[in-house]
Amino acid sequence: MMNQITSYWDKQSEIWREEKEDAWLLPETTYWLEFFQALPMPSAISERKILELGTASGYFANIMALCGYEVTAIDVSPAMISEAGNVSRKQKLTVDYRVMDAQRLTFADDSFDIVFTRLMTWTVPDLLACYREVYRVLKPGGKFINFDGDFGSVVFSQEGHERYPAEIMEEANIIKACLDISKHKRPAYDAVILERAGFRSIESDQQAQSRILKTDERPTGLFMVTATKPD
């Protein structure tokens, strides 16, 4: 399954880079910069070390670097990591990029102050393994921030994704149908799994992204779920 998922993301690497290059010129980049600049840091945390899971072409990794974080970013796709490295070099930003499976992180325990991910966990075959790894690499008091969508019953199409070939969208539907996470209502399911992984102070917000991007706050299926590793 992971080979298929890796191949799926590899095929999109150039398109993702092109889309995010365009995004740098849009107001949303300013809004995301404001979001990361305003993130509260627990008083015991001062190093500002952040890990991004599923960085794709490095859009958020670069935003976090601009905000003064020490950024490590991983992706299961070697092609995505290659594109991301090129973008950061062009931007003259420092990000530690690595090809890695979020279900099997190779970092030491208690390494990061924050772990962030966006639109990645819907393609994770074993969500509990992923969340346990996030818990392990977070420092005590560290925070996990996950933006994702309740995509289980959604049929992906080219509408709104015109740059993507039809076969890419169909492959997304095939992969999604094979994954356990697609059978569950999110983010309620995430809260259950995060608690099993050891997290506390678990909160979900289905209007968070709309507020951040200053758009219509009607329900979109997207959500933010946050959780804290106990001190």
Protein backbone atom coordinates (compact mmCIF):
# COMPACT_ATOMS: atom_id res chain seq x y z
CA MET A 1 0.00 0.00 0.00
CA MET A 2 2.76 2.44 0.88
CA ASN A 3 4.42 1.89 -2.51
CA GLN A 4 1.17 2.89 -4.21
CA ILE A 5 0.77 5.95 -1.97
CA THR A 6 4.39 7.01 -2.60
CA SER A 7 3.93 6.64 -6.34
CA TYR A 8 0.69 8.64 -6.17
CA TRP A 9 2.47 11.60 -4.55
CA ASP A 10 5.54 11.28 -6.79
CA LYS A 11 3.36 11.77 -9.87
CA GLN A 12 2.06 15.09 -8.53
CA SER A 13 5.31 16.66 -7.37
CA GLU A 14 5.75 19.09 -10.26
CA ILE A 15 2.09 20.16 -10.18
CA TRP A 16 2.26 20.78 -6.42
CA ARG A 17 5.36 22.93 -6.85
CA GLU A 18 3.71 24.96 -9.60
CA GLU A 19 0.55 25.49 -7.54
CA LYS A 20 2.46 26.63 -4.48
CA GLU A 21 4.66 28.94 -6.54
CA ASP A 22 1.43 30.65 -7.58
CA ALA A 23 0.24 30.68 -3.96
CA TRP A 24 3.20 32.83 -2.87
CA LEU A 25 1.57 35.69 -4.76
CA LEU A 26 -1.83 35.23 -3.12
CA PRO A 27 -3.16 36.67 0.18
CA GLU A 28 -3.38 33.16 1.66
CA THR A 29 0.40 33.09 2.13
CA THR A 30 0.22 36.23 4.26
CA TYR A 31 -2.59 34.70 6.29
CA TRP A 32 -0.62 31.50 6.93
CA LEU A 33 2.41 33.57 7.93
CA GLU A 34 0.20 35.35 10.47
CA PHE A 35 -1.07 32.01 11.77
CA PHE A 36 2.40 30.59 12.42
CA GLN A 37 3.73 33.85 13.84
CA ALA A 38 0.88 33.89 16.36
CA LEU A 39 1.19 30.27 17.51
CA PRO A 40 1.44 30.24 21.30
CA MET A 41 4.51 28.45 22.58
CA PRO A 42 4.33 26.70 25.97
CA SER A 43 6.48 28.51 28.50
CA ALA A 44 8.83 25.55 28.89
CA ILE A 45 9.56 25.51 25.16
CA SER A 46 12.02 27.95 23.64
CA GLU A 47 13.88 26.24 20.79
CA ARG A 48 11.01 26.58 18.27
CA LYS A 49 11.84 23.27 16.60
CA ILE A 50 9.03 22.20 14.30
CA LEU A 51 8.47 19.07 12.23
CA GLU A 52 6.18 19.00 9.22
CA LEU A 53 4.74 15.67 8.10
CA GLY A 54 3.93 15.40 4.40
CA THR A 55 5.63 18.61 3.30
CA ALA A 56 4.98 18.01 -0.44
CA SER A 57 6.74 20.87 -2.28
CA GLY A 58 7.67 22.64 0.96
CA TYR A 59 5.12 25.47 0.95
CA PHE A 60 4.40 25.37 4.69
CA ALA A 61 7.97 24.44 5.60
CA ASN A 62 9.17 27.63 3.95
CA ILE A 63 6.48 29.72 5.62
CA MET A 64 7.52 28.33 9.01
CA ALA A 65 11.17 29.04 8.24
CA LEU A 66 10.25 32.64 7.44
CA CYS A 67 8.55 32.80 10.85
CA GLY A 68 11.78 31.90 12.62
CA TYR A 69 11.21 28.20 13.30
CA GLU A 70 13.94 25.59 13.00
CA VAL A 71 12.14 23.43 10.44
CA THR A 72 12.48 19.75 9.64
CA ALA A 73 10.13 18.49 6.95
CA ILE A 74 9.49 14.96 5.75
CA ASP A 75 7.58 13.33 2.93
CA VAL A 76 7.24 9.73 1.80
CA SER A 77 7.73 10.90 -1.81
CA PRO A 78 11.34 11.38 -2.98
CA ALA A 79 10.08 13.48 -5.91
CA MET A 80 8.25 15.84 -3.55
CA ILE A 81 11.34 16.22 -1.37
CA SER A 82 13.43 17.01 -4.46
CA GLU A 83 10.98 19.73 -5.52
CA ALA A 84 10.82 21.10 -1.98
CA GLY A 85 14.59 21.36 -1.72
CA ASN A 86 14.76 23.26 -4.99
CA VAL A 87 12.09 25.71 -3.81
CA SER A 88 13.85 26.40 -0.49
CA ARG A 89 17.18 26.97 -2.21
CA LYS A 90 15.50 29.41 -4.58
CA GLN A 91 13.92 31.20 -1.60
CA LYS A 92 17.27 31.10 0.28
CA LEU A 93 15.57 29.41 3.24
CA THR A 94 16.96 26.64 5.43
CA VAL A 95 14.80 23.53 5.86
CA ASP A 96 16.04 20.06 6.78
CA TYR A 97 14.19 17.87 4.25
CA ARG A 98 14.08 14.08 4.56
CA VAL A 99 12.33 11.22 2.79
CA MET A 100 10.48 9.39 5.57
CA ASP A 101 7.29 7.52 6.42
CA ALA A 102 5.23 9.34 9.07
CA GLN A 103 4.29 5.95 10.55
CA ARG A 104 7.99 5.16 11.20
CA LEU A 105 9.84 8.32 12.14
CA THR A 106 13.59 7.96 12.67
CA PHE A 107 13.96 10.94 15.01
CA ALA A 108 14.90 10.59 18.68
CA ASP A 109 12.26 10.83 21.39
CA ASP A 110 11.33 14.34 22.57
CA SER A 111 12.88 16.10 19.56
CA PHE A 112 10.31 18.73 18.51
CA ASP A 113 8.26 21.51 20.07
CA ILE A 114 5.53 21.34 17.41
CA VAL A 115 4.51 18.77 14.80
CA PHE A 116 2.40 20.16 11.95
CA THR A 117 0.67 18.52 9.01
CA ARG A 118 -1.91 19.50 6.44
CA LEU A 119 -3.91 17.30 4.05
CA MET A 120 -1.69 14.29 4.71
CA THR A 121 -3.31 12.00 7.28
CA TRP A 122 -6.17 10.99 4.96
CA THR A 123 -3.58 8.85 3.12
CA VAL A 124 -2.07 7.20 6.23
CA PRO A 125 -2.79 3.45 6.38
CA ASP A 126 -2.20 3.15 10.15
CA LEU A 127 -3.31 6.35 11.86
CA LEU A 128 -2.58 5.06 15.37
CA ALA A 129 1.01 4.25 14.41
CA CYS A 130 1.39 7.75 12.96
CA TYR A 131 -0.06 9.48 16.01
CA ARG A 132 2.05 7.37 18.37
CA GLU A 133 5.15 8.42 16.45
CA VAL A 134 4.10 12.08 16.63
CA TYR A 135 3.63 11.68 20.38
CA ARG A 136 7.03 10.04 20.74
CA VAL A 137 9.02 12.73 18.92
CA LEU A 138 7.23 15.67 20.58
CA LYS A 139 8.78 17.15 23.68
CA PRO A 140 6.66 17.05 26.85
CA GLY A 141 4.27 19.98 26.55
CA GLY A 142 4.67 19.96 22.76
CA LYS A 143 1.75 20.44 20.41
CA PHE A 144 0.43 18.56 17.39
CA ILE A 145 -1.50 20.53 14.75
CA ASN A 146 -3.30 18.66 11.98
CA PHE A 147 -5.33 20.28 9.19
CA ASP A 148 -7.21 17.69 7.15
CA GLY A 149 -10.61 16.82 5.74
CA ASP A 150 -13.40 14.33 6.29
CA PHE A 151 -12.96 12.82 2.83
CA GLY A 152 -14.29 9.30 3.37
CA SER A 153 -17.52 9.79 1.41
CA VAL A 154 -16.11 12.40 -0.98
CA VAL A 155 -15.53 11.53 -4.63
CA PHE A 156 -12.49 13.44 -5.84
CA SER A 157 -12.80 14.96 -9.31
CA GLN A 158 -11.00 17.46 -11.53
CA GLU A 159 -13.44 20.20 -10.55
CA GLY A 160 -11.26 22.74 -8.78
CA HIS A 161 -8.20 20.60 -9.57
CA GLU A 162 -7.96 21.19 -13.31
CA ARG A 163 -4.17 20.93 -13.38
CA TYR A 164 -4.35 17.32 -12.24
CA PRO A 165 -4.90 14.57 -14.85
CA ALA A 166 -8.12 12.59 -14.49
CA GLU A 167 -6.15 9.44 -13.72
CA ILE A 168 -4.54 11.13 -10.71
CA MET A 169 -7.94 11.99 -9.25
CA GLU A 170 -9.19 8.47 -9.89
CA GLU A 171 -6.13 7.02 -8.18
CA ALA A 172 -6.87 9.22 -5.16
CA ASN A 173 -10.34 7.67 -4.96
CA ILE A 174 -8.91 4.15 -5.25
CA ILE A 175 -6.36 4.73 -2.50
CA LYS A 176 -8.90 6.41 -0.25
CA ALA A 177 -11.33 3.51 -0.61
CA CYS A 178 -8.66 1.08 0.62
CA LEU A 179 -7.80 2.97 3.80
CA ASP A 180 -9.37 2.37 7.20
CA ILE A 181 -9.48 6.08 7.98
CA SER A 182 -12.01 6.57 5.17
CA LYS A 183 -14.52 4.46 7.10
CA HIS A 184 -14.67 6.84 10.06
CA LYS A 185 -16.19 10.23 10.77
CA ARG A 186 -13.51 12.84 11.22
CA PRO A 187 -12.29 14.65 13.28
CA ALA A 188 -14.15 12.66 15.96
CA TYR A 189 -12.15 9.58 15.00
CA ASP A 190 -8.89 11.53 15.23
CA ALA A 191 -9.74 12.55 18.79
CA VAL A 192 -10.24 8.91 19.80
CA ILE A 193 -6.96 7.80 18.21
CA LEU A 194 -5.02 10.75 19.60
CA GLU A 195 -6.19 9.89 23.11
CA ARG A 196 -5.16 6.28 22.60
CA ALA A 197 -1.74 7.53 21.55
CA GLY A 198 -1.40 9.41 24.86
CA PHE A 199 -2.35 12.96 23.89
CA ARG A 200 -4.41 15.28 26.06
CA SER A 201 -6.11 18.69 25.55
CA ILE A 202 -7.50 17.43 22.24
CA GLU A 203 -9.57 20.03 20.38
CA SER A 204 -11.14 20.16 16.94
CA ASP A 205 -12.27 23.17 14.94
CA GLN A 206 -14.13 22.84 11.64
CA GLN A 207 -14.00 26.56 10.86
CA ALA A 208 -10.31 27.13 11.63
CA GLN A 209 -9.06 27.23 8.06
CA SER A 210 -11.90 29.49 6.95
CA ARG A 211 -10.99 31.95 9.71
CA ILE A 212 -7.28 31.79 8.94
CA LEU A 213 -7.85 32.44 5.24
CA LYS A 214 -10.64 34.95 5.91
CA THR A 215 -13.15 33.11 3.72
CA ASP A 216 -16.79 32.05 4.08
CA GLU A 217 -17.14 29.99 7.28
CA ARG A 218 -19.71 27.57 5.90
CA PRO A 219 -18.83 23.91 6.68
CA THR A 220 -16.39 22.55 4.07
CA GLY A 221 -15.41 19.19 5.55
CA LEU A 222 -11.99 20.60 6.43
CA PHE A 223 -10.92 20.77 10.06
CA MET A 224 -8.07 21.49 12.43
CA VAL A 225 -7.41 19.13 15.30
CA THR A 226 -4.83 19.97 17.96
CA ALA A 227 -3.44 17.90 20.83
CA THR A 228 -0.80 18.27 23.52
CA LYS A 229 1.74 15.81 24.89
CA PRO A 230 1.48 15.98 28.70
CA ASP A 231 4.40 17.45 30.62
